[in-house]
N, C-alpha and C. Protein backbone atom coordinates (compact mmCIF):
# COMPACT_ATOMS: atom_id res chain seq x y z
N ILE A 1 1.38 -5.11 8.83
CA ILE A 1 3.07 -5.67 8.12
C ILE A 1 3.13 -6.36 6.78
N ASN A 2 1.50 -6.62 6.99
CA ASN A 2 1.22 -7.38 5.78
C ASN A 2 1.09 -6.72 4.37
N LYS A 3 0.74 -5.30 4.27
CA LYS A 3 1.41 -3.88 3.33
C LYS A 3 2.21 -4.43 2.85
N ILE A 4 3.92 -4.90 3.91
CA ILE A 4 4.99 -4.81 2.66
C ILE A 4 5.40 -6.05 2.68
N ILE A 5 4.26 -7.14 3.05
CA ILE A 5 4.88 -8.58 2.45
C ILE A 5 3.92 -8.57 1.20
N SER A 6 3.17 -8.69 0.91
CA SER A 6 1.88 -8.54 -0.54
C SER A 6 2.04 -8.38 -1.46
N ILE A 7 2.81 -6.93 -1.65
CA ILE A 7 2.86 -6.58 -2.59
C ILE A 7 3.97 -7.24 -3.65
N PRO A 8 3.80 -6.92 -5.18
CA PRO A 8 4.41 -7.09 -5.59
C PRO A 8 6.21 -7.13 -5.26
N MET A 9 6.43 -5.63 -5.06
CA MET A 9 7.76 -5.53 -4.72
C MET A 9 7.85 -4.11 -3.86
N LEU A 10 8.82 -4.20 -2.82
CA LEU A 10 8.84 -2.93 -2.04
C LEU A 10 10.41 -2.64 -1.74
N ILE A 11 10.16 -1.58 -2.24
CA ILE A 11 11.95 -0.74 -2.38
C ILE A 11 11.47 0.17 -1.04
N ALA A 12 12.85 -0.32 0.41
CA ALA A 12 12.58 0.43 1.02
C ALA A 12 13.99 1.45 0.97
N VAL A 13 13.79 3.37 0.58
CA VAL A 13 14.67 3.99 0.93
C VAL A 13 15.41 4.61 2.11
N THR A 14 16.50 5.03 2.14
CA THR A 14 16.52 5.21 3.60
C THR A 14 18.36 6.40 3.52
N SER A 15 18.25 6.73 4.23
CA SER A 15 18.99 8.11 4.39
C SER A 15 20.06 7.84 5.27
N ARG A 16 21.51 7.76 5.29
CA ARG A 16 21.99 7.67 6.56
C ARG A 16 21.69 8.27 7.56
N LYS A 17 21.83 8.13 8.85
CA LYS A 17 22.32 9.06 10.25
C LYS A 17 23.24 9.54 9.92
N SER A 18 23.21 10.97 10.20
CA SER A 18 24.76 11.48 11.09
C SER A 18 24.46 12.39 12.19
N PRO A 19 24.28 11.56 13.81
CA PRO A 19 23.80 12.33 14.60
C PRO A 19 25.64 13.58 15.03
N ASP A 20 26.29 13.64 14.64
CA ASP A 20 27.41 14.64 15.49
C ASP A 20 27.55 15.81 13.98
N ASP A 21 26.50 15.69 12.93
CA ASP A 21 26.24 16.57 12.75
C ASP A 21 25.30 16.71 11.75
N ASP A 22 24.19 17.83 12.50
CA ASP A 22 23.05 18.09 11.95
C ASP A 22 22.89 19.19 10.66
N PHE A 23 23.45 19.16 9.85
CA PHE A 23 23.39 19.50 8.75
C PHE A 23 23.31 18.31 7.82
N ARG A 24 24.56 17.91 7.72
CA ARG A 24 24.48 16.91 6.69
C ARG A 24 23.63 16.22 6.95
N GLN A 25 22.75 15.46 8.24
CA GLN A 25 21.65 14.56 8.04
C GLN A 25 20.78 15.47 7.40
N LYS A 26 20.43 16.74 7.72
CA LYS A 26 19.48 17.19 6.46
C LYS A 26 19.70 17.31 5.44
N GLU A 27 20.67 17.57 5.01
CA GLU A 27 20.86 17.69 3.72
C GLU A 27 20.89 16.47 3.39
N ASP A 28 21.94 15.50 3.53
CA ASP A 28 21.27 13.85 2.65
C ASP A 28 19.56 13.58 2.75
N TYR A 29 19.02 13.94 3.82
CA TYR A 29 17.87 13.84 4.18
C TYR A 29 16.70 14.07 2.43
N ALA A 30 17.18 15.46 2.40
CA ALA A 30 16.42 16.46 1.61
C ALA A 30 17.45 15.30 0.14
N ALA A 31 18.17 15.34 -0.27
CA ALA A 31 18.47 14.46 -0.98
C ALA A 31 17.65 13.59 -1.42
N THR A 32 17.59 12.68 -1.04
CA THR A 32 17.36 11.37 -0.56
C THR A 32 15.61 11.85 -1.26
N VAL A 33 15.24 12.50 -0.13
CA VAL A 33 13.30 12.83 -0.64
C VAL A 33 13.66 12.92 -2.20
N CYS A 34 13.92 13.94 -2.89
CA CYS A 34 14.16 14.25 -4.03
C CYS A 34 14.42 13.06 -5.10
N ALA A 35 15.29 12.16 -4.59
CA ALA A 35 15.49 10.51 -5.24
C ALA A 35 14.46 10.00 -5.22
N LEU A 36 13.85 9.47 -3.69
CA LEU A 36 13.25 8.92 -4.14
C LEU A 36 11.51 9.24 -5.20
N HIS A 37 11.32 10.74 -5.37
CA HIS A 37 10.33 11.12 -5.77
C HIS A 37 10.41 10.99 -7.38
N ASN A 38 11.65 11.24 -7.75
CA ASN A 38 12.55 11.30 -9.16
C ASN A 38 12.18 9.71 -9.48
N MET A 39 11.90 8.90 -8.43
CA MET A 39 11.85 7.70 -8.36
C MET A 39 11.20 6.92 -8.67
N VAL A 40 9.85 7.90 -8.31
CA VAL A 40 8.92 7.07 -8.38
C VAL A 40 7.88 7.61 -9.54
N LEU A 41 8.64 8.97 -10.11
CA LEU A 41 7.80 10.00 -11.45
C LEU A 41 8.14 8.91 -12.74
N SER A 42 9.66 8.24 -12.26
CA SER A 42 10.25 7.30 -13.66
C SER A 42 9.09 5.79 -13.50
N PHE A 43 9.18 5.51 -12.68
CA PHE A 43 8.35 4.15 -12.70
C PHE A 43 7.03 4.73 -13.30
N TRP A 44 6.18 5.73 -13.27
CA TRP A 44 4.95 6.02 -14.14
C TRP A 44 5.12 6.52 -14.99
N ASN A 45 5.84 6.85 -15.54
CA ASN A 45 7.09 7.22 -16.69
C ASN A 45 7.03 5.55 -17.89
N ASN A 46 7.59 4.53 -17.21
CA ASN A 46 7.40 3.32 -18.09
C ASN A 46 6.33 2.87 -17.39
N SER A 47 5.01 3.34 -16.90
CA SER A 47 4.15 2.52 -16.85
C SER A 47 3.87 1.43 -15.86
N ILE A 48 5.27 1.81 -14.67
CA ILE A 48 4.44 1.11 -13.98
C ILE A 48 4.42 1.91 -12.14
N ALA A 49 2.99 1.07 -12.38
CA ALA A 49 2.23 1.65 -11.06
C ALA A 49 3.21 1.66 -9.96
N SER A 50 3.46 2.87 -9.00
CA SER A 50 4.20 3.06 -8.00
C SER A 50 2.98 3.82 -6.96
N GLN A 51 3.79 3.74 -5.72
CA GLN A 51 3.24 4.28 -4.15
C GLN A 51 3.82 4.86 -3.47
N TRP A 52 4.27 6.21 -3.33
CA TRP A 52 5.57 6.15 -1.83
C TRP A 52 4.48 5.97 -0.86
N SER A 53 5.18 5.45 0.04
CA SER A 53 4.46 5.62 1.53
C SER A 53 5.89 6.09 2.45
N THR A 54 4.62 7.27 3.64
CA THR A 54 5.83 7.66 4.62
C THR A 54 5.00 7.38 5.66
N GLY A 55 4.01 6.35 5.57
CA GLY A 55 3.31 6.09 7.03
C GLY A 55 3.76 5.20 8.22
N SER A 56 3.16 4.74 8.93
CA SER A 56 3.68 4.53 10.53
C SER A 56 4.96 3.40 10.36
N LEU A 57 4.86 2.33 8.79
CA LEU A 57 5.38 1.86 8.51
C LEU A 57 7.19 1.71 8.94
N THR A 58 6.83 3.70 7.98
CA THR A 58 8.36 3.35 8.39
C THR A 58 8.97 4.09 9.61
N ARG A 59 7.96 3.92 10.61
CA ARG A 59 8.84 4.39 11.71
C ARG A 59 8.82 2.77 12.83
N ASP A 60 8.55 1.63 12.00
CA ASP A 60 7.60 1.17 13.21
C ASP A 60 9.00 -0.23 13.21
N LEU A 61 9.35 -0.26 14.32
CA LEU A 61 10.90 -0.86 14.79
C LEU A 61 10.43 -2.73 13.51
N GLU A 62 9.71 -2.82 13.34
CA GLU A 62 9.47 -4.49 13.70
C GLU A 62 9.80 -4.23 11.68
N THR A 63 9.70 -3.32 11.34
CA THR A 63 9.41 -3.30 9.31
C THR A 63 11.39 -2.69 9.51
N TYR A 64 11.82 -1.98 10.28
CA TYR A 64 13.37 -2.84 10.36
C TYR A 64 14.16 -3.57 10.25
N ASP A 65 13.25 -4.55 11.31
CA ASP A 65 13.79 -5.37 11.53
C ASP A 65 13.47 -6.33 10.10
N ILE A 66 12.29 -6.30 9.57
CA ILE A 66 12.01 -7.61 8.49
C ILE A 66 12.77 -6.97 7.53
N LEU A 67 13.56 -5.30 7.30
CA LEU A 67 14.05 -5.68 5.98
C LEU A 67 15.45 -5.77 6.69
N SER A 68 15.90 -5.99 7.64
CA SER A 68 17.28 -5.99 7.99
C SER A 68 18.03 -4.42 7.95
N ILE A 69 17.02 -3.49 8.41
CA ILE A 69 17.86 -2.16 8.54
C ILE A 69 18.11 -2.06 9.67
N ASN A 70 19.76 -1.16 9.87
CA ASN A 70 19.84 -1.18 11.32
C ASN A 70 19.66 0.60 11.38
N ASN A 71 18.10 0.58 12.46
CA ASN A 71 17.54 1.92 12.78
C ASN A 71 18.41 2.92 13.05
N ALA A 72 19.93 2.61 14.17
CA ALA A 72 20.74 3.17 14.78
C ALA A 72 21.39 3.98 13.56
N LYS A 73 21.69 3.52 12.48
CA LYS A 73 22.52 4.16 11.21
C LYS A 73 21.89 5.00 9.89
N GLU A 74 20.43 4.05 10.08
CA GLU A 74 19.73 4.82 9.09
C GLU A 74 18.22 4.92 9.38
N GLU A 75 17.64 5.62 8.42
CA GLU A 75 16.05 6.38 8.49
C GLU A 75 14.97 5.72 7.45
N ILE A 76 14.48 5.01 7.49
CA ILE A 76 13.35 4.94 6.15
C ILE A 76 13.37 6.33 6.02
N ILE A 77 12.84 6.57 5.04
CA ILE A 77 12.15 7.49 4.53
C ILE A 77 11.38 7.74 3.70
N GLY A 78 10.88 6.49 3.11
CA GLY A 78 9.62 6.01 2.79
C GLY A 78 10.09 4.60 1.68
N LEU A 79 8.68 4.03 1.31
CA LEU A 79 8.38 2.90 1.30
C LEU A 79 8.09 2.82 -0.21
N ILE A 80 8.40 2.44 -1.57
CA ILE A 80 7.50 2.44 -2.37
C ILE A 80 7.17 0.98 -3.15
N LYS A 81 5.90 1.26 -3.14
CA LYS A 81 5.29 -0.38 -3.56
C LYS A 81 5.03 -0.03 -5.05
N ILE A 82 5.73 -0.86 -5.82
CA ILE A 82 5.25 -0.57 -7.15
C ILE A 82 5.17 -2.41 -8.06
N GLY A 83 4.53 -1.90 -9.00
CA GLY A 83 4.06 -3.32 -9.61
C GLY A 83 3.22 -2.99 -10.88
N TYR A 84 2.84 -3.50 -11.68
CA TYR A 84 1.88 -3.62 -12.54
C TYR A 84 0.71 -3.46 -13.20
N PRO A 85 0.23 -2.67 -13.23
CA PRO A 85 -1.25 -1.60 -13.15
C PRO A 85 -1.89 -2.62 -14.03
N GLU A 86 -3.46 -3.19 -13.39
CA GLU A 86 -4.57 -3.64 -14.25
C GLU A 86 -4.68 -2.55 -15.36
N SER A 87 -4.89 -1.42 -15.29
CA SER A 87 -4.93 0.04 -15.95
C SER A 87 -4.42 1.13 -15.95
N LEU A 88 -4.09 1.91 -16.83
CA LEU A 88 -3.28 3.24 -16.55
C LEU A 88 -4.30 4.24 -16.81
N PRO A 89 -4.74 5.56 -15.67
CA PRO A 89 -5.44 6.24 -16.73
C PRO A 89 -4.76 7.04 -17.61
N ASN A 90 -5.62 7.20 -18.33
CA ASN A 90 -5.93 8.19 -19.17
C ASN A 90 -5.86 10.40 -18.83
N ILE A 91 -4.51 10.51 -18.76
CA ILE A 91 -4.79 11.88 -18.28
C ILE A 91 -4.16 12.72 -19.66
N THR A 92 -4.79 13.75 -19.69
CA THR A 92 -4.57 15.16 -20.24
C THR A 92 -4.33 16.07 -19.87
N LYS A 93 -3.27 16.53 -20.15
CA LYS A 93 -2.36 18.05 -19.32
C LYS A 93 -2.35 19.01 -19.79
N LEU A 94 -2.50 20.21 -19.39
CA LEU A 94 -3.21 21.65 -20.07
C LEU A 94 -1.61 22.19 -20.67
N PRO A 95 -2.06 22.45 -21.54
CA PRO A 95 -0.74 22.91 -22.00
C PRO A 95 0.16 24.14 -21.09
N VAL A 96 1.21 24.26 -21.20
CA VAL A 96 2.49 25.19 -19.69
C VAL A 96 1.37 26.40 -20.08
N ASP A 97 1.10 27.53 -21.24
CA ASP A 97 0.29 28.71 -21.56
C ASP A 97 -0.65 28.26 -20.69
N GLU A 98 -1.63 27.85 -20.60
CA GLU A 98 -2.73 27.66 -19.88
C GLU A 98 -2.51 28.05 -18.16
N PHE A 99 -1.47 27.91 -17.96
CA PHE A 99 -1.90 28.25 -16.40
C PHE A 99 0.01 28.76 -16.28
N THR A 100 0.46 29.10 -16.92
CA THR A 100 1.66 30.15 -16.49
C THR A 100 1.42 31.76 -17.04
N ARG A 101 2.14 32.73 -15.95
CA ARG A 101 2.18 33.91 -15.98
C ARG A 101 3.49 33.79 -15.44
N TYR A 102 3.22 35.42 -17.01
CA TYR A 102 5.64 35.69 -16.05
C TYR A 102 5.12 37.02 -15.58
N LEU A 103 5.91 37.51 -14.89
CA LEU A 103 5.81 38.48 -14.01
C LEU A 103 6.81 39.43 -15.02
N GLU A 104 6.42 40.41 -14.94
CA GLU A 104 7.08 41.63 -15.36
C GLU A 104 7.54 42.89 -14.88
């Protein structure tokens, strides 16, 4: 639990449970995961370090209690830890043409 209390900022991303509609629950889960991933990419694009965690903390009832999340109504999809890094890696990306293959 110290992992979620000692970082600069934590965002808990949840998806609403739909026990009477399996399709809706899967659809909401997938949409939430896409939004979560886009959020992480956006943070890094703005020089904010972030880490998406889906470990055992997301299933621990104590985590739900600490964050005041009703586990009967919502499922924690992930925890995003964010903060300003001491340094950012210098990444050089390959040009798209170097790894793209077109099918004819």
